Amino acid sequence: MVDQQYFVDADDSGVIVAVLTVLILILRFSVETFAIEDKPWRIFYLQKYVKFFIIGVTVLVVAVPEGLPLAVTLALAYSVRVRFIMHSPAQLTL
């Protein structure tokens, strides 16, 4: 039987990468702007944080469907294998 845990892990890895991307962008910008350059907070910096969030959502949207072709391939391979075991090879047609 196909291990369903793999598909959950593949989806979780996309979420983890997206969250890490957002956190790294926010930390880098905040440290450079407020700690190193010692600039005061301005409201237009909020736009930067929104852009970082949008980048994270984009990474999530792109990363999660990457597992779809693999999931389809594994499901097809499993169904063919089950069908091959249950029926003789002469009866196997797709």
PDB file of N, CA and C in Angstrom:
ATOM      1  N   MET A   1       0.836  -1.183   0.000  1.00  0.00           N
ATOM      2  CA  MET A   1       0.000   0.000   0.000  1.00  0.00           C
ATOM      3  C   MET A   1       0.883   1.249   0.000  1.00  0.00           C
ATOM      4  N   VAL A   2       0.421   2.288  -0.641  1.00  0.00           N
ATOM      5  CA  VAL A   2       1.179   3.535  -0.727  1.00  0.00           C
ATOM      6  C   VAL A   2       1.173   4.211   0.636  1.00  0.00           C
ATOM      7  N   ASP A   3       2.328   4.672   1.056  1.00  0.00           N
ATOM      8  CA  ASP A   3       2.467   5.311   2.359  1.00  0.00           C
ATOM      9  C   ASP A   3       1.917   6.733   2.280  1.00  0.00           C
ATOM     10  N   GLN A   4       0.792   6.959   2.938  1.00  0.00           N
ATOM     11  CA  GLN A   4       0.156   8.277   2.908  1.00  0.00           C
ATOM     12  C   GLN A   4       0.970   9.308   3.678  1.00  0.00           C
ATOM     13  N   GLN A   5       1.791   8.860   4.609  1.00  0.00           N
ATOM     14  CA  GLN A   5       2.599   9.784   5.405  1.00  0.00           C
ATOM     15  C   GLN A   5       3.552  10.576   4.519  1.00  0.00           C
ATOM     16  N   TYR A   6       4.036   9.963   3.419  1.00  0.00           N
ATOM     17  CA  TYR A   6       4.951  10.666   2.512  1.00  0.00           C
ATOM     18  C   TYR A   6       4.292  11.892   1.925  1.00  0.00           C
ATOM     19  N   PHE A   7       3.034  11.768   1.525  1.00  0.00           N
ATOM     20  CA  PHE A   7       2.346  12.900   0.905  1.00  0.00           C
ATOM     21  C   PHE A   7       2.123  14.019   1.903  1.00  0.00           C
ATOM     22  N   VAL A   8       1.845  13.686   3.143  1.00  0.00           N
ATOM     23  CA  VAL A   8       1.686  14.706   4.179  1.00  0.00           C
ATOM     24  C   VAL A   8       3.019  15.411   4.408  1.00  0.00           C
ATOM     25  N   ASP A   9       4.107  14.650   4.451  1.00  0.00           N
ATOM     26  CA  ASP A   9       5.420  15.244   4.652  1.00  0.00           C
ATOM     27  C   ASP A   9       5.808  16.160   3.495  1.00  0.00           C
ATOM     28  N   ALA A  10       5.435  15.785   2.270  1.00  0.00           N
ATOM     29  CA  ALA A  10       5.752  16.618   1.114  1.00  0.00           C
ATOM     30  C   ALA A  10       5.025  17.956   1.200  1.00  0.00           C
ATOM     31  N   ASP A  11       3.776  17.938   1.646  1.00  0.00           N
ATOM     32  CA  ASP A  11       3.038  19.186   1.807  1.00  0.00           C
ATOM     33  C   ASP A  11       3.616  20.017   2.947  1.00  0.00           C
ATOM     34  N   ASP A  12       3.992  19.354   4.027  1.00  0.00           N
ATOM     35  CA  ASP A  12       4.560  20.070   5.167  1.00  0.00           C
ATOM     36  C   ASP A  12       5.891  20.724   4.825  1.00  0.00           C
ATOM     37  N   SER A  13       6.680  20.089   3.988  1.00  0.00           N
ATOM     38  CA  SER A  13       7.970  20.676   3.634  1.00  0.00           C
ATOM     39  C   SER A  13       7.783  21.972   2.853  1.00  0.00           C
ATOM     40  N   GLY A  14       6.754  22.051   2.019  1.00  0.00           N
ATOM     41  CA  GLY A  14       6.472  23.301   1.313  1.00  0.00           C
ATOM     42  C   GLY A  14       6.108  24.418   2.263  1.00  0.00           C
ATOM     43  N   VAL A  15       5.326  24.086   3.271  1.00  0.00           N
ATOM     44  CA  VAL A  15       4.942  25.082   4.277  1.00  0.00           C
ATOM     45  C   VAL A  15       6.162  25.525   5.073  1.00  0.00           C
ATOM     46  N   ILE A  16       7.008  24.563   5.440  1.00  0.00           N
ATOM     47  CA  ILE A  16       8.204  24.892   6.218  1.00  0.00           C
ATOM     48  C   ILE A  16       9.127  25.812   5.424  1.00  0.00           C
ATOM     49  N   VAL A  17       9.330  25.504   4.153  1.00  0.00           N
ATOM     50  CA  VAL A  17      10.200  26.339   3.319  1.00  0.00           C
ATOM     51  C   VAL A  17       9.606  27.738   3.166  1.00  0.00           C
ATOM     52  N   ALA A  18       8.307  27.840   2.981  1.00  0.00           N
ATOM     53  CA  ALA A  18       7.668  29.155   2.837  1.00  0.00           C
ATOM     54  C   ALA A  18       7.810  29.977   4.114  1.00  0.00           C
ATOM     55  N   VAL A  19       7.584  29.347   5.261  1.00  0.00           N
ATOM     56  CA  VAL A  19       7.704  30.067   6.529  1.00  0.00           C
ATOM     57  C   VAL A  19       9.152  30.491   6.770  1.00  0.00           C
ATOM     58  N   LEU A  20      10.099  29.601   6.499  1.00  0.00           N
ATOM     59  CA  LEU A  20      11.509  29.964   6.661  1.00  0.00           C
ATOM     60  C   LEU A  20      11.905  31.111   5.737  1.00  0.00           C
ATOM     61  N   THR A  21      11.390  31.104   4.522  1.00  0.00           N
ATOM     62  CA  THR A  21      11.691  32.189   3.587  1.00  0.00           C
ATOM     63  C   THR A  21      11.219  33.525   4.138  1.00  0.00           C
ATOM     64  N   VAL A  22       9.984  33.556   4.627  1.00  0.00           N
ATOM     65  CA  VAL A  22       9.441  34.804   5.177  1.00  0.00           C
ATOM     66  C   VAL A  22      10.238  35.243   6.398  1.00  0.00           C
ATOM     67  N   LEU A  23      10.536  34.310   7.290  1.00  0.00           N
ATOM     68  CA  LEU A  23      11.286  34.671   8.493  1.00  0.00           C
ATOM     69  C   LEU A  23      12.683  35.196   8.168  1.00  0.00           C
ATOM     70  N   ILE A  24      13.360  34.563   7.239  1.00  0.00           N
ATOM     71  CA  ILE A  24      14.703  35.022   6.866  1.00  0.00           C
ATOM     72  C   ILE A  24      14.649  36.406   6.231  1.00  0.00           C
ATOM     73  N   LEU A  25      13.675  36.637   5.349  1.00  0.00           N
ATOM     74  CA  LEU A  25      13.549  37.959   4.729  1.00  0.00           C
ATOM     75  C   LEU A  25      13.251  39.033   5.774  1.00  0.00           C
ATOM     76  N   ILE A  26      12.343  38.738   6.690  1.00  0.00           N
ATOM     77  CA  ILE A  26      11.985  39.716   7.723  1.00  0.00           C
ATOM     78  C   ILE A  26      13.171  39.989   8.644  1.00  0.00           C
ATOM     79  N   LEU A  27      13.836  38.929   9.090  1.00  0.00           N
ATOM     80  CA  LEU A  27      14.982  39.123   9.984  1.00  0.00           C
ATOM     81  C   LEU A  27      16.109  39.898   9.307  1.00  0.00           C
ATOM     82  N   ARG A  28      16.392  39.545   8.079  1.00  0.00           N
ATOM     83  CA  ARG A  28      17.485  40.229   7.370  1.00  0.00           C
ATOM     84  C   ARG A  28      17.176  41.718   7.197  1.00  0.00           C
ATOM     85  N   PHE A  29      15.955  42.011   6.744  1.00  0.00           N
ATOM     86  CA  PHE A  29      15.580  43.409   6.549  1.00  0.00           C
ATOM     87  C   PHE A  29      15.592  44.180   7.868  1.00  0.00           C
ATOM     88  N   SER A  30      15.041  43.565   8.908  1.00  0.00           N
ATOM     89  CA  SER A  30      14.957  44.239  10.202  1.00  0.00           C
ATOM     90  C   SER A  30      16.337  44.504  10.792  1.00  0.00           C
ATOM     91  N   VAL A  31      17.218  43.521  10.720  1.00  0.00           N
ATOM     92  CA  VAL A  31      18.560  43.695  11.266  1.00  0.00           C
ATOM     93  C   VAL A  31      19.325  44.750  10.478  1.00  0.00           C
ATOM     94  N   GLU A  32      19.267  44.675   9.153  1.00  0.00           N
ATOM     95  CA  GLU A  32      19.989  45.659   8.333  1.00  0.00           C
ATOM     96  C   GLU A  32      19.453  47.072   8.545  1.00  0.00           C
ATOM     97  N   THR A  33      18.128  47.199   8.560  1.00  0.00           N
ATOM     98  CA  THR A  33      17.520  48.527   8.613  1.00  0.00           C
ATOM     99  C   THR A  33      17.581  49.146  10.007  1.00  0.00           C
ATOM    100  N   PHE A  34      17.192  48.382  11.014  1.00  0.00           N
ATOM    101  CA  PHE A  34      17.029  48.966  12.346  1.00  0.00           C
ATOM    102  C   PHE A  34      18.238  48.775  13.251  1.00  0.00           C
ATOM    103  N   ALA A  35      18.999  47.719  13.070  1.00  0.00           N
ATOM    104  CA  ALA A  35      20.160  47.488  13.941  1.00  0.00           C
ATOM    105  C   ALA A  35      21.441  48.049  13.333  1.00  0.00           C
ATOM    106  N   ILE A  36      21.675  47.744  12.070  1.00  0.00           N
ATOM    107  CA  ILE A  36      22.939  48.175  11.447  1.00  0.00           C
ATOM    108  C   ILE A  36      22.869  49.630  10.997  1.00  0.00           C
ATOM    109  N   GLU A  37      21.819  49.974  10.238  1.00  0.00           N
ATOM    110  CA  GLU A  37      21.707  51.356   9.732  1.00  0.00           C
ATOM    111  C   GLU A  37      21.071  52.296  10.763  1.00  0.00           C
ATOM    112  N   ASP A  38      20.492  51.756  11.810  1.00  0.00           N
ATOM    113  CA  ASP A  38      19.902  52.519  12.908  1.00  0.00           C
ATOM    114  C   ASP A  38      18.858  53.522  12.427  1.00  0.00           C
ATOM    115  N   LYS A  39      17.999  53.088  11.512  1.00  0.00           N
ATOM    116  CA  LYS A  39      16.920  53.945  11.006  1.00  0.00           C
ATOM    117  C   LYS A  39      15.697  53.815  11.907  1.00  0.00           C
ATOM    118  N   PRO A  40      14.939  54.896  12.074  1.00  0.00           N
ATOM    119  CA  PRO A  40      13.705  54.803  12.866  1.00  0.00           C
ATOM    120  C   PRO A  40      12.590  54.134  12.051  1.00  0.00           C
ATOM    121  N   TRP A  41      11.588  53.644  12.772  1.00  0.00           N
ATOM    122  CA  TRP A  41      10.468  52.985  12.119  1.00  0.00           C
ATOM    123  C   TRP A  41       9.646  54.004  11.329  1.00  0.00           C
ATOM    124  N   ARG A  42       9.336  53.660  10.109  1.00  0.00           N
ATOM    125  CA  ARG A  42       8.454  54.454   9.243  1.00  0.00           C
ATOM    126  C   ARG A  42       7.330  53.536   8.768  1.00  0.00           C
ATOM    127  N   ILE A  43       6.196  54.109   8.496  1.00  0.00           N
ATOM    128  CA  ILE A  43       5.033  53.310   8.110  1.00  0.00           C
ATOM    129  C   ILE A  43       5.246  52.621   6.751  1.00  0.00           C
ATOM    130  N   PHE A  44       6.062  53.213   5.880  1.00  0.00           N
ATOM    131  CA  PHE A  44       6.263  52.596   4.569  1.00  0.00           C
ATOM    132  C   PHE A  44       7.089  51.316   4.652  1.00  0.00           C
ATOM    133  N   TYR A  45       7.712  51.044   5.802  1.00  0.00           N
ATOM    134  CA  TYR A  45       8.401  49.761   5.985  1.00  0.00           C
ATOM    135  C   TYR A  45       7.396  48.606   6.041  1.00  0.00           C
ATOM    136  N   LEU A  46       6.180  48.941   6.413  1.00  0.00           N
ATOM    137  CA  LEU A  46       5.134  47.921   6.450  1.00  0.00           C
ATOM    138  C   LEU A  46       4.935  47.302   5.063  1.00  0.00           C
ATOM    139  N   GLN A  47       5.108  48.111   4.025  1.00  0.00           N
ATOM    140  CA  GLN A  47       4.991  47.612   2.655  1.00  0.00           C
ATOM    141  C   GLN A  47       6.036  46.522   2.381  1.00  0.00           C
ATOM    142  N   LYS A  48       7.231  46.681   2.908  1.00  0.00           N
ATOM    143  CA  LYS A  48       8.279  45.658   2.755  1.00  0.00           C
ATOM    144  C   LYS A  48       7.840  44.339   3.390  1.00  0.00           C
ATOM    145  N   TYR A  49       7.272  44.423   4.600  1.00  0.00           N
ATOM    146  CA  TYR A  49       6.843  43.212   5.291  1.00  0.00           C
ATOM    147  C   TYR A  49       5.706  42.513   4.545  1.00  0.00           C
ATOM    148  N   VAL A  50       4.823  43.301   3.964  1.00  0.00           N
ATOM    149  CA  VAL A  50       3.743  42.715   3.153  1.00  0.00           C
ATOM    150  C   VAL A  50       4.329  42.023   1.924  1.00  0.00           C
ATOM    151  N   LYS A  51       5.329  42.616   1.294  1.00  0.00           N
ATOM    152  CA  LYS A  51       5.984  41.973   0.150  1.00  0.00           C
ATOM    153  C   LYS A  51       6.644  40.662   0.556  1.00  0.00           C
ATOM    154  N   PHE A  52       7.255  40.635   1.745  1.00  0.00           N
ATOM    155  CA  PHE A  52       7.870  39.392   2.226  1.00  0.00           C
ATOM    156  C   PHE A  52       6.814  38.308   2.425  1.00  0.00           C
ATOM    157  N   PHE A  53       5.663  38.699   2.952  1.00  0.00           N
ATOM    158  CA  PHE A  53       4.570  37.743   3.130  1.00  0.00           C
ATOM    159  C   PHE A  53       4.086  37.219   1.779  1.00  0.00           C
ATOM    160  N   ILE A  54       3.963  38.096   0.801  1.00  0.00           N
ATOM    161  CA  ILE A  54       3.533  37.685  -0.540  1.00  0.00           C
ATOM    162  C   ILE A  54       4.540  36.721  -1.159  1.00  0.00           C
ATOM    163  N   ILE A  55       5.820  36.968  -0.945  1.00  0.00           N
ATOM    164  CA  ILE A  55       6.850  36.052  -1.436  1.00  0.00           C
ATOM    165  C   ILE A  55       6.684  34.683  -0.780  1.00  0.00           C
ATOM    166  N   GLY A  56       6.403  34.649   0.509  1.00  0.00           N
ATOM    167  CA  GLY A  56       6.186  33.386   1.209  1.00  0.00           C
ATOM    168  C   GLY A  56       4.991  32.624   0.674  1.00  0.00           C
ATOM    169  N   VAL A  57       3.897  33.338   0.407  1.00  0.00           N
ATOM    170  CA  VAL A  57       2.715  32.694  -0.170  1.00  0.00           C
ATOM    171  C   VAL A  57       3.032  32.160  -1.568  1.00  0.00           C
ATOM    172  N   THR A  58       3.803  32.903  -2.335  1.00  0.00           N
ATOM    173  CA  THR A  58       4.194  32.447  -3.671  1.00  0.00           C
ATOM    174  C   THR A  58       5.020  31.174  -3.591  1.00  0.00           C
ATOM    175  N   VAL A  59       5.962  31.132  -2.668  1.00  0.00           N
ATOM    176  CA  VAL A  59       6.778  29.922  -2.483  1.00  0.00           C
ATOM    177  C   VAL A  59       5.891  28.753  -2.100  1.00  0.00           C
ATOM    178  N   LEU A  60       4.920  28.983  -1.228  1.00  0.00           N
ATOM    179  CA  LEU A  60       4.008  27.922  -0.810  1.00  0.00           C
ATOM    180  C   LEU A  60       3.180  27.415  -1.983  1.00  0.00           C
ATOM    181  N   VAL A  61       2.659  28.316  -2.779  1.00  0.00           N
ATOM    182  CA  VAL A  61       1.826  27.920  -3.922  1.00  0.00           C
ATOM    183  C   VAL A  61       2.642  27.141  -4.947  1.00  0.00           C
ATOM    184  N   VAL A  62       3.885  27.520  -5.120  1.00  0.00           N
ATOM    185  CA  VAL A  62       4.731  26.821  -6.096  1.00  0.00           C
ATOM    186  C   VAL A  62       5.230  25.492  -5.533  1.00  0.00           C
ATOM    187  N   ALA A  63       5.527  25.429  -4.249  1.00  0.00           N
ATOM    188  CA  ALA A  63       6.144  24.233  -3.660  1.00  0.00           C
ATOM    189  C   ALA A  63       5.156  23.089  -3.490  1.00  0.00           C
ATOM    190  N   VAL A  64       3.940  23.372  -3.079  1.00  0.00           N
ATOM    191  CA  VAL A  64       2.991  22.300  -2.789  1.00  0.00           C
ATOM    192  C   VAL A  64       2.602  21.521  -4.039  1.00  0.00           C
ATOM    193  N   PRO A  65       2.266  22.138  -5.158  1.00  0.00           N
ATOM    194  CA  PRO A  65       1.893  21.332  -6.323  1.00  0.00           C
ATOM    195  C   PRO A  65       3.049  20.531  -6.928  1.00  0.00           C
ATOM    196  N   GLU A  66       4.290  20.805  -6.530  1.00  0.00           N
ATOM    197  CA  GLU A  66       5.404  20.035  -7.073  1.00  0.00           C
ATOM    198  C   GLU A  66       5.301  18.567  -6.702  1.00  0.00           C
ATOM    199  N   GLY A  67       4.647  18.263  -5.620  1.00  0.00           N
ATOM    200  CA  GLY A  67       4.467  16.879  -5.230  1.00  0.00           C
ATOM    201  C   GLY A  67       3.345  16.177  -5.970  1.00  0.00           C
ATOM    202  N   LEU A  68       2.520  16.927  -6.701  1.00  0.00           N
ATOM    203  CA  LEU A  68       1.379  16.342  -7.391  1.00  0.00           C
ATOM    204  C   LEU A  68       1.781  15.331  -8.464  1.00  0.00           C
ATOM    205  N   PRO A  69       2.723  15.634  -9.360  1.00  0.00           N
ATOM    206  CA  PRO A  69       3.096  14.617 -10.346  1.00  0.00           C
ATOM    207  C   PRO A  69       3.648  13.347  -9.701  1.00  0.00           C
ATOM    208  N   LEU A  70       4.392  13.497  -8.640  1.00  0.00           N
ATOM    209  CA  LEU A  70       4.913  12.332  -7.942  1.00  0.00           C
ATOM    210  C   LEU A  70       3.782  11.524  -7.318  1.00  0.00           C
ATOM    211  N   ALA A  71       2.813  12.199  -6.735  1.00  0.00           N
ATOM    212  CA  ALA A  71       1.678  11.500  -6.128  1.00  0.00           C
ATOM    213  C   ALA A  71       0.878  10.736  -7.179  1.00  0.00           C
ATOM    214  N   VAL A  72       0.661  11.347  -8.322  1.00  0.00           N
ATOM    215  CA  VAL A  72      -0.075  10.684  -9.399  1.00  0.00           C
ATOM    216  C   VAL A  72       0.710   9.485  -9.914  1.00  0.00           C
ATOM    217  N   THR A  73       1.998   9.630 -10.086  1.00  0.00           N
ATOM    218  CA  THR A  73       2.835   8.530 -10.569  1.00  0.00           C
ATOM    219  C   THR A  73       2.820   7.365  -9.592  1.00  0.00           C
ATOM    220  N   LEU A  74       2.975   7.658  -8.303  1.00  0.00           N
ATOM    221  CA  LEU A  74       2.956   6.589  -7.303  1.00  0.00           C
ATOM    222  C   LEU A  74       1.598   5.909  -7.227  1.00  0.00           C
ATOM    223  N   ALA A  75       0.533   6.675  -7.301  1.00  0.00           N
ATOM    224  CA  ALA A  75      -0.805   6.087  -7.256  1.00  0.00           C
ATOM    225  C   ALA A  75      -1.053   5.198  -8.475  1.00  0.00           C
ATOM    226  N   LEU A  76      -0.619   5.654  -9.639  1.00  0.00           N
ATOM    227  CA  LEU A  76      -0.783   4.853 -10.855  1.00  0.00           C
ATOM    228  C   LEU A  76       0.050   3.582 -10.780  1.00  0.00           C
ATOM    229  N   ALA A  77       1.278   3.702 -10.315  1.00  0.00           N
ATOM    230  CA  ALA A  77       2.133   2.520 -10.188  1.00  0.00           C
ATOM    231  C   ALA A  77       1.538   1.525  -9.197  1.00  0.00           C
ATOM    232  N   TYR A  78       1.005   2.026  -8.113  1.00  0.00           N
ATOM    233  CA  TYR A  78       0.389   1.133  -7.128  1.00  0.00           C
ATOM    234  C   TYR A  78      -0.835   0.429  -7.706  1.00  0.00           C
ATOM    235  N   SER A  79      -1.696   1.173  -8.394  1.00  0.00           N
ATOM    236  CA  SER A  79      -2.905   0.562  -8.944  1.00  0.00           C
ATOM    237  C   SER A  79      -2.564  -0.465 -10.020  1.00  0.00           C
ATOM    238  N   VAL A  80      -1.541  -0.203 -10.822  1.00  0.00           N
ATOM    239  CA  VAL A  80      -1.126  -1.170 -11.834  1.00  0.00           C
ATOM    240  C   VAL A  80      -0.578  -2.414 -11.153  1.00  0.00           C
ATOM    241  N   ARG A  81       0.190  -2.243 -10.106  1.00  0.00           N
ATOM    242  CA  ARG A  81       0.759  -3.380  -9.384  1.00  0.00           C
ATOM    243  C   ARG A  81      -0.345  -4.231  -8.772  1.00  0.00           C
ATOM    244  N   VAL A  82      -1.327  -3.601  -8.148  1.00  0.00           N
ATOM    245  CA  VAL A  82      -2.437  -4.331  -7.542  1.00  0.00           C
ATOM    246  C   VAL A  82      -3.219  -5.066  -8.619  1.00  0.00           C
ATOM    247  N   ARG A  83      -3.456  -4.404  -9.716  1.00  0.00           N
ATOM    248  CA  ARG A  83      -4.204  -5.028 -10.804  1.00  0.00           C
ATOM    249  C   ARG A  83      -3.418  -6.196 -11.385  1.00  0.00           C
ATOM    250  N   PHE A  84      -2.119  -6.048 -11.475  1.00  0.00           N
ATOM    251  CA  PHE A  84      -1.268  -7.117 -12.003  1.00  0.00           C
ATOM    252  C   PHE A  84      -1.285  -8.326 -11.080  1.00  0.00           C
ATOM    253  N   ILE A  85      -1.306  -8.081  -9.768  1.00  0.00           N
ATOM    254  CA  ILE A  85      -1.329  -9.184  -8.808  1.00  0.00           C
ATOM    255  C   ILE A  85      -2.701  -9.874  -8.815  1.00  0.00           C
ATOM    256  N   MET A  86      -3.762  -9.094  -8.943  1.00  0.00           N
ATOM    257  CA  MET A  86      -5.101  -9.662  -8.871  1.00  0.00           C
ATOM    258  C   MET A  86      -5.502 -10.383 -10.151  1.00  0.00           C
ATOM    259  N   HIS A  87      -4.975  -9.994 -11.289  1.00  0.00           N
ATOM    260  CA  HIS A  87      -5.357 -10.569 -12.572  1.00  0.00           C
ATOM    261  C   HIS A  87      -4.120 -11.107 -13.261  1.00  0.00           C
ATOM    262  N   SER A  88      -4.335 -11.931 -14.220  1.00  0.00           N
ATOM    263  CA  SER A  88      -3.204 -12.451 -14.963  1.00  0.00           C
ATOM    264  C   SER A  88      -2.657 -11.357 -15.873  1.00  0.00           C
ATOM    265  N   PRO A  89      -1.397 -11.434 -16.257  1.00  0.00           N
ATOM    266  CA  PRO A  89      -0.814 -10.394 -17.115  1.00  0.00           C
ATOM    267  C   PRO A  89      -1.534 -10.217 -18.444  1.00  0.00           C
ATOM    268  N   ALA A  90      -2.177 -11.266 -18.932  1.00  0.00           N
ATOM    269  CA  ALA A  90      -2.895 -11.161 -20.203  1.00  0.00           C
ATOM    270  C   ALA A  90      -4.115 -10.254 -20.080  1.00  0.00           C
ATOM    271  N   GLN A  91      -4.672 -10.160 -18.892  1.00  0.00           N
ATOM    272  CA  GLN A  91      -5.868  -9.345 -18.690  1.00  0.00           C
ATOM    273  C   GLN A  91      -5.529  -7.890 -18.350  1.00  0.00           C
ATOM    274  N   LEU A  92      -4.271  -7.598 -18.142  1.00  0.00           N
ATOM    275  CA  LEU A  92      -3.873  -6.261 -17.726  1.00  0.00           C
ATOM    276  C   LEU A  92      -3.904  -5.314 -18.911  1.00  0.00           C
ATOM    277  N   THR A  93      -4.804  -4.351 -18.875  1.00  0.00           N
ATOM    278  CA  THR A  93      -4.876  -3.313 -19.902  1.00  0.00           C
ATOM    279  C   THR A  93      -5.101  -1.979 -19.229  1.00  0.00           C
ATOM    280  N   LEU A  94      -4.644  -0.939 -19.851  1.00  0.00           N
ATOM    281  CA  LEU A  94      -4.841   0.395 -19.302  1.00  0.00           C
ATOM    282  C   LEU A  94      -5.714   1.202 -20.217  1.00  0.00           C
TER     283      LEU A  94
END
